[in-house]
Amino acid sequence: MGSPATEPFLDALAGPLMRLNQEIPLRLRIISRGRRSFGALDEIVDRVDWQADTFGSQLADADAGLMPLPDTQFTRGKCAYKLLQYGAAALPVIGSPVGVNRNVLGQLGGLSASNADEWESAIRSLFASTSAERRGMGEQARFGVDRGFSFRAWAPQWAAAVRL
């Protein structure tokens, strides 16, 4: 899931996903308003137009959430919003340990990957797991979001900040 501006981050997954697709039939669902081509990846890409009233159900129907990021000054300043959205949908998560993502991946029990080999290994590992194990990873991610990032978790600090 992302915006047209962040779609190029998926280019780093082209090689790993195409290699894995030879072993495990994969589909990459991209929820975005973008329309760019991903070259060879286009043959396994399903595009879904991002809409406020449907993206949640689209996420809930997925098998995992991927958040690749290059390690740049810009991406080190990004928040882990996509990881949190995937975790809130009870999806197992794999992300680049860049900036705050490193901490969030730990709190969600996610897998981290920094280069093509690590991405391929992490995705292979995820899909080598049983459906019960993947469901458990998703539940751990959901619990991590609720415990560390939900309104309920931050309500006392919010109330103090607004002097309630």
Protein backbone atom coordinates (compact mmCIF):
# COMPACT_ATOMS: atom_id res chain seq x y z
CA MET A 1 0.00 0.00 0.00
CA GLY A 2 1.32 3.43 -0.78
CA SER A 3 1.20 6.48 -2.92
CA PRO A 4 2.52 7.06 -6.43
CA ALA A 5 5.52 8.82 -4.83
CA THR A 6 6.56 5.72 -2.86
CA GLU A 7 5.85 3.10 -5.54
CA PRO A 8 9.48 3.22 -6.79
CA PHE A 9 10.53 1.68 -3.45
CA LEU A 10 9.02 -1.58 -4.73
CA ASP A 11 11.66 -1.77 -7.48
CA ALA A 12 14.05 -3.29 -4.92
CA LEU A 13 11.72 -6.30 -4.67
CA ALA A 14 11.53 -7.05 -8.40
CA GLY A 15 14.38 -9.58 -8.48
CA PRO A 16 13.45 -11.40 -5.26
CA LEU A 17 9.75 -11.59 -6.16
CA MET A 18 10.36 -12.81 -9.70
CA ARG A 19 12.77 -15.51 -8.45
CA LEU A 20 10.32 -16.57 -5.74
CA ASN A 21 7.46 -16.59 -8.22
CA GLN A 22 9.21 -19.44 -10.05
CA GLU A 23 8.88 -21.56 -6.87
CA ILE A 24 5.75 -20.14 -5.23
CA PRO A 25 3.01 -18.60 -7.35
CA LEU A 26 2.87 -15.01 -6.06
CA ARG A 27 0.59 -12.06 -6.63
CA LEU A 28 1.67 -8.60 -5.53
CA ARG A 29 -1.35 -6.45 -4.72
CA ILE A 30 -0.49 -2.77 -4.95
CA ILE A 31 -3.06 -0.50 -3.31
CA SER A 32 -2.30 2.95 -4.69
CA ARG A 33 -3.51 5.67 -6.99
CA GLY A 34 -0.36 5.18 -9.07
CA ARG A 35 -0.18 3.71 -12.54
CA ARG A 36 3.56 3.22 -13.17
CA SER A 37 4.91 0.08 -14.75
CA PHE A 38 7.07 -2.26 -12.70
CA GLY A 39 8.58 -3.90 -15.76
CA ALA A 40 8.87 -7.67 -15.35
CA LEU A 41 6.90 -7.49 -12.09
CA ASP A 42 3.81 -6.34 -14.01
CA GLU A 43 2.99 -9.98 -14.79
CA ILE A 44 2.38 -10.72 -11.08
CA VAL A 45 0.98 -7.30 -10.04
CA ASP A 46 -2.67 -6.74 -9.23
CA ARG A 47 -3.44 -3.03 -8.96
CA VAL A 48 -6.17 -1.81 -6.65
CA ASP A 49 -7.06 1.85 -6.66
CA TRP A 50 -6.65 3.28 -3.14
CA GLN A 51 -10.01 4.40 -1.74
CA ALA A 52 -10.74 5.40 1.83
CA ASP A 53 -13.74 3.10 2.10
CA THR A 54 -12.11 -0.04 0.63
CA PHE A 55 -8.40 -0.10 1.48
CA GLY A 56 -9.08 -1.71 4.88
CA SER A 57 -10.89 -4.69 3.39
CA GLN A 58 -8.20 -4.98 0.72
CA LEU A 59 -5.56 -5.19 3.45
CA ALA A 60 -7.56 -7.68 5.49
CA ASP A 61 -7.66 -9.99 2.46
CA ALA A 62 -3.86 -9.97 1.99
CA ASP A 63 -1.32 -12.54 3.19
CA ALA A 64 1.42 -10.13 4.31
CA GLY A 65 2.46 -6.49 4.26
CA LEU A 66 5.75 -5.40 2.66
CA MET A 67 7.48 -2.08 3.30
CA PRO A 68 10.76 -1.78 1.41
CA LEU A 69 12.73 1.44 1.86
CA PRO A 70 16.13 2.49 0.62
CA ASP A 71 18.35 3.83 3.39
CA THR A 72 18.42 7.55 2.60
CA GLN A 73 18.13 10.72 4.64
CA PHE A 74 14.54 11.12 3.42
CA THR A 75 13.45 7.57 4.30
CA ARG A 76 15.17 7.66 7.70
CA GLY A 77 12.73 10.47 8.55
CA LYS A 78 9.61 8.61 7.44
CA CYS A 79 7.23 7.12 9.95
CA ALA A 80 6.32 3.43 9.92
CA TYR A 81 2.73 4.16 8.91
CA LYS A 82 2.46 1.31 6.40
CA LEU A 83 3.84 -1.20 8.89
CA LEU A 84 1.28 0.00 11.43
CA GLN A 85 -1.54 -0.28 8.90
CA TYR A 86 -0.48 -3.83 8.01
CA GLY A 87 -0.18 -4.75 11.67
CA ALA A 88 -3.58 -3.24 12.45
CA ALA A 89 -4.99 -5.53 9.73
CA ALA A 90 -3.33 -8.49 11.52
CA LEU A 91 -0.90 -9.14 8.68
CA PRO A 92 2.61 -10.50 9.14
CA VAL A 93 5.00 -7.69 8.20
CA ILE A 94 8.34 -7.50 6.45
CA GLY A 95 10.10 -4.16 6.23
CA SER A 96 13.40 -2.43 5.75
CA PRO A 97 14.98 -1.57 9.13
CA VAL A 98 15.38 2.08 8.18
CA GLY A 99 14.70 4.87 10.67
CA VAL A 100 11.82 4.17 13.04
CA ASN A 101 10.92 1.03 11.08
CA ARG A 102 13.64 -0.85 12.99
CA ASN A 103 11.89 -0.24 16.32
CA VAL A 104 8.38 -0.82 14.96
CA LEU A 105 9.35 -4.10 13.29
CA GLY A 106 10.58 -5.29 16.68
CA GLN A 107 7.36 -4.28 18.41
CA LEU A 108 5.24 -6.01 15.75
CA GLY A 109 7.34 -9.17 15.59
CA GLY A 110 8.06 -8.43 11.94
CA LEU A 111 10.85 -9.61 9.71
CA SER A 112 13.46 -7.15 8.49
CA ALA A 113 15.27 -7.10 5.18
CA SER A 114 17.95 -4.68 4.00
CA ASN A 115 18.94 -6.04 0.58
CA ALA A 116 17.62 -8.27 -2.21
CA ASP A 117 18.97 -11.49 -0.66
CA GLU A 118 17.42 -10.67 2.73
CA TRP A 119 14.09 -9.79 1.10
CA GLU A 120 14.05 -13.06 -0.80
CA SER A 121 14.93 -14.99 2.35
CA ALA A 122 12.32 -13.21 4.49
CA ILE A 123 9.52 -13.69 1.96
CA ARG A 124 10.50 -17.33 1.40
CA SER A 125 10.55 -17.89 5.17
CA LEU A 126 7.14 -16.32 5.57
CA PHE A 127 5.55 -18.49 2.90
CA ALA A 128 7.33 -21.61 4.14
CA SER A 129 5.49 -21.10 7.44
CA THR A 130 2.18 -22.80 8.04
CA SER A 131 -0.99 -20.76 7.76
CA ALA A 132 -1.33 -21.02 11.55
CA GLU A 133 2.18 -19.63 12.02
CA ARG A 134 1.45 -16.74 9.62
CA ARG A 135 -1.82 -16.07 11.43
CA GLY A 136 0.14 -16.02 14.71
CA MET A 137 2.59 -13.50 13.24
CA GLY A 138 -0.34 -11.35 12.15
CA GLU A 139 -1.92 -11.57 15.60
CA GLN A 140 1.41 -10.58 17.16
CA ALA A 141 1.58 -7.58 14.82
CA ARG A 142 -2.01 -6.61 15.70
CA PHE A 143 -1.23 -6.91 19.41
CA GLY A 144 1.91 -4.78 18.92
CA VAL A 145 -0.09 -2.03 17.22
CA ASP A 146 -2.72 -2.10 19.95
CA ARG A 147 -0.17 -2.17 22.78
CA GLY A 148 2.18 0.50 21.48
CA PHE A 149 0.42 2.68 18.94
CA SER A 150 -3.33 2.75 19.52
CA PHE A 151 -5.32 5.61 20.98
CA ARG A 152 -5.99 3.44 24.01
CA ALA A 153 -2.24 3.03 24.58
CA TRP A 154 -1.61 6.78 24.32
CA ALA A 155 -4.82 8.11 25.92
CA PRO A 156 -3.15 9.14 29.21
CA GLN A 157 -0.41 11.10 27.41
CA TRP A 158 -2.95 12.68 25.07
CA ALA A 159 -5.19 13.68 27.99
CA ALA A 160 -2.21 15.21 29.79
CA ALA A 161 -1.11 17.09 26.67
CA VAL A 162 -4.54 18.69 26.26
CA ARG A 163 -4.88 19.10 30.02
CA LEU A 164 -7.92 16.89 30.55
